[in-house]
Amino acid sequence: MKHDPKPTPGIPQWVKIFVMIVLVLVLLLLILHLTGNGFGNHMGMSIRASGGV
């Protein structure tokens, strides 16, 4: 009679959740960048509008 050990679990649940959160954040940043609302574009505009450089 063979005794099969329990199969080792796959990826831990916390890793899956962490990866999902990172993917959502990357997707949000990508959307913000593509729509022109991200990565500090508004800061450059305020400097120019105030008579700065």
N, C-alpha and C. Protein backbone atom coordinates (compact mmCIF):
# COMPACT_ATOMS: atom_id res chain seq x y z
N MET A 1 0.84 -1.18 0.00
CA MET A 1 0.00 0.00 0.00
C MET A 1 0.89 1.25 0.00
N LYS A 2 0.70 2.09 -0.99
CA LYS A 2 1.48 3.31 -1.08
C LYS A 2 0.83 4.41 -0.25
N HIS A 3 1.67 5.20 0.35
CA HIS A 3 1.17 6.37 1.07
C HIS A 3 1.67 7.60 0.34
N ASP A 4 0.77 8.22 -0.41
CA ASP A 4 1.15 9.42 -1.16
C ASP A 4 1.16 10.61 -0.22
N PRO A 5 2.26 11.33 -0.19
CA PRO A 5 2.27 12.55 0.64
C PRO A 5 1.31 13.58 0.05
N LYS A 6 0.86 14.46 0.90
CA LYS A 6 -0.03 15.52 0.41
C LYS A 6 0.72 16.35 -0.62
N PRO A 7 0.05 16.69 -1.70
CA PRO A 7 0.73 17.52 -2.69
C PRO A 7 1.10 18.87 -2.08
N THR A 8 2.26 19.36 -2.46
CA THR A 8 2.68 20.65 -1.93
C THR A 8 1.77 21.73 -2.49
N PRO A 9 1.41 22.67 -1.66
CA PRO A 9 0.52 23.73 -2.14
C PRO A 9 1.23 24.59 -3.18
N GLY A 10 0.44 25.22 -4.01
CA GLY A 10 1.01 26.10 -5.04
C GLY A 10 1.47 27.40 -4.44
N ILE A 11 1.23 28.46 -5.15
CA ILE A 11 1.64 29.79 -4.70
C ILE A 11 0.80 30.17 -3.48
N PRO A 12 1.43 30.68 -2.42
CA PRO A 12 0.67 31.10 -1.24
C PRO A 12 -0.35 32.19 -1.57
N GLN A 13 -1.41 32.23 -0.81
CA GLN A 13 -2.50 33.18 -1.05
C GLN A 13 -2.01 34.62 -0.96
N TRP A 14 -1.11 34.92 -0.01
CA TRP A 14 -0.65 36.30 0.15
C TRP A 14 0.14 36.76 -1.07
N VAL A 15 0.83 35.84 -1.72
CA VAL A 15 1.60 36.20 -2.92
C VAL A 15 0.63 36.54 -4.05
N LYS A 16 -0.41 35.76 -4.19
CA LYS A 16 -1.41 36.03 -5.23
C LYS A 16 -2.06 37.40 -5.02
N ILE A 17 -2.41 37.70 -3.77
CA ILE A 17 -3.04 38.98 -3.45
C ILE A 17 -2.07 40.13 -3.72
N PHE A 18 -0.81 39.96 -3.32
CA PHE A 18 0.20 40.99 -3.54
C PHE A 18 0.39 41.26 -5.03
N VAL A 19 0.46 40.22 -5.82
CA VAL A 19 0.63 40.37 -7.27
C VAL A 19 -0.58 41.08 -7.88
N MET A 20 -1.77 40.73 -7.42
CA MET A 20 -2.98 41.37 -7.93
C MET A 20 -2.97 42.87 -7.61
N ILE A 21 -2.57 43.23 -6.38
CA ILE A 21 -2.53 44.63 -5.99
C ILE A 21 -1.51 45.39 -6.84
N VAL A 22 -0.34 44.80 -7.03
CA VAL A 22 0.70 45.45 -7.84
C VAL A 22 0.21 45.64 -9.28
N LEU A 23 -0.44 44.62 -9.84
CA LEU A 23 -0.94 44.74 -11.21
C LEU A 23 -2.00 45.84 -11.33
N VAL A 24 -2.87 45.94 -10.34
CA VAL A 24 -3.90 46.98 -10.36
C VAL A 24 -3.25 48.36 -10.28
N LEU A 25 -2.25 48.52 -9.41
CA LEU A 25 -1.57 49.81 -9.29
C LEU A 25 -0.84 50.18 -10.58
N VAL A 26 -0.17 49.23 -11.19
CA VAL A 26 0.53 49.48 -12.45
C VAL A 26 -0.48 49.87 -13.53
N LEU A 27 -1.60 49.19 -13.57
CA LEU A 27 -2.63 49.50 -14.56
C LEU A 27 -3.19 50.91 -14.33
N LEU A 28 -3.41 51.29 -13.07
CA LEU A 28 -3.90 52.63 -12.79
C LEU A 28 -2.89 53.70 -13.20
N LEU A 29 -1.62 53.46 -12.90
CA LEU A 29 -0.59 54.42 -13.30
C LEU A 29 -0.50 54.54 -14.82
N LEU A 30 -0.63 53.42 -15.50
CA LEU A 30 -0.59 53.44 -16.96
C LEU A 30 -1.76 54.23 -17.53
N ILE A 31 -2.94 54.03 -16.97
CA ILE A 31 -4.12 54.76 -17.43
C ILE A 31 -3.95 56.25 -17.16
N LEU A 32 -3.45 56.61 -15.96
CA LEU A 32 -3.22 58.02 -15.66
C LEU A 32 -2.21 58.64 -16.61
N HIS A 33 -1.18 57.91 -16.93
CA HIS A 33 -0.15 58.43 -17.84
C HIS A 33 -0.72 58.62 -19.24
N LEU A 34 -1.49 57.66 -19.71
CA LEU A 34 -2.03 57.75 -21.06
C LEU A 34 -3.09 58.84 -21.20
N THR A 35 -3.78 59.16 -20.10
CA THR A 35 -4.79 60.22 -20.16
C THR A 35 -4.20 61.59 -19.87
N GLY A 36 -2.90 61.64 -19.56
CA GLY A 36 -2.25 62.93 -19.33
C GLY A 36 -2.40 63.46 -17.93
N ASN A 37 -2.85 62.65 -16.99
CA ASN A 37 -3.07 63.11 -15.63
C ASN A 37 -2.01 62.62 -14.65
N GLY A 38 -1.02 61.91 -15.12
CA GLY A 38 -0.08 61.32 -14.18
C GLY A 38 1.35 61.75 -14.38
N PHE A 39 2.20 61.30 -13.48
CA PHE A 39 3.65 61.48 -13.52
C PHE A 39 4.08 62.93 -13.47
N GLY A 40 3.37 63.75 -12.74
CA GLY A 40 3.84 65.10 -12.45
C GLY A 40 3.65 66.12 -13.55
N ASN A 41 2.85 65.86 -14.54
CA ASN A 41 2.63 66.84 -15.59
C ASN A 41 2.02 68.13 -15.05
N HIS A 42 1.15 68.01 -14.06
CA HIS A 42 0.49 69.18 -13.51
C HIS A 42 1.47 70.08 -12.78
N MET A 43 2.54 69.55 -12.22
CA MET A 43 3.51 70.37 -11.51
C MET A 43 4.28 71.25 -12.51
N GLY A 44 4.63 70.70 -13.64
CA GLY A 44 5.33 71.48 -14.66
C GLY A 44 4.47 72.62 -15.18
N MET A 45 3.18 72.37 -15.30
CA MET A 45 2.27 73.40 -15.78
C MET A 45 2.15 74.53 -14.77
N SER A 46 2.12 74.24 -13.48
CA SER A 46 1.95 75.29 -12.48
C SER A 46 3.18 76.17 -12.41
N ILE A 47 4.37 75.61 -12.66
CA ILE A 47 5.58 76.42 -12.64
C ILE A 47 5.57 77.39 -13.82
N ARG A 48 5.17 76.91 -14.98
CA ARG A 48 5.12 77.78 -16.16
C ARG A 48 4.03 78.85 -16.00
N ALA A 49 2.90 78.48 -15.44
CA ALA A 49 1.78 79.41 -15.30
C ALA A 49 2.10 80.51 -14.29
N SER A 50 2.95 80.22 -13.31
CA SER A 50 3.25 81.21 -12.28
C SER A 50 4.37 82.15 -12.69
N GLY A 51 4.88 82.01 -13.91
CA GLY A 51 5.94 82.88 -14.38
C GLY A 51 7.32 82.37 -14.04
N GLY A 52 7.39 81.12 -13.63
CA GLY A 52 8.69 80.52 -13.31
C GLY A 52 9.46 80.21 -14.57
N VAL A 53 10.35 79.30 -14.49
CA VAL A 53 11.27 78.94 -15.57
C VAL A 53 10.58 78.65 -16.85
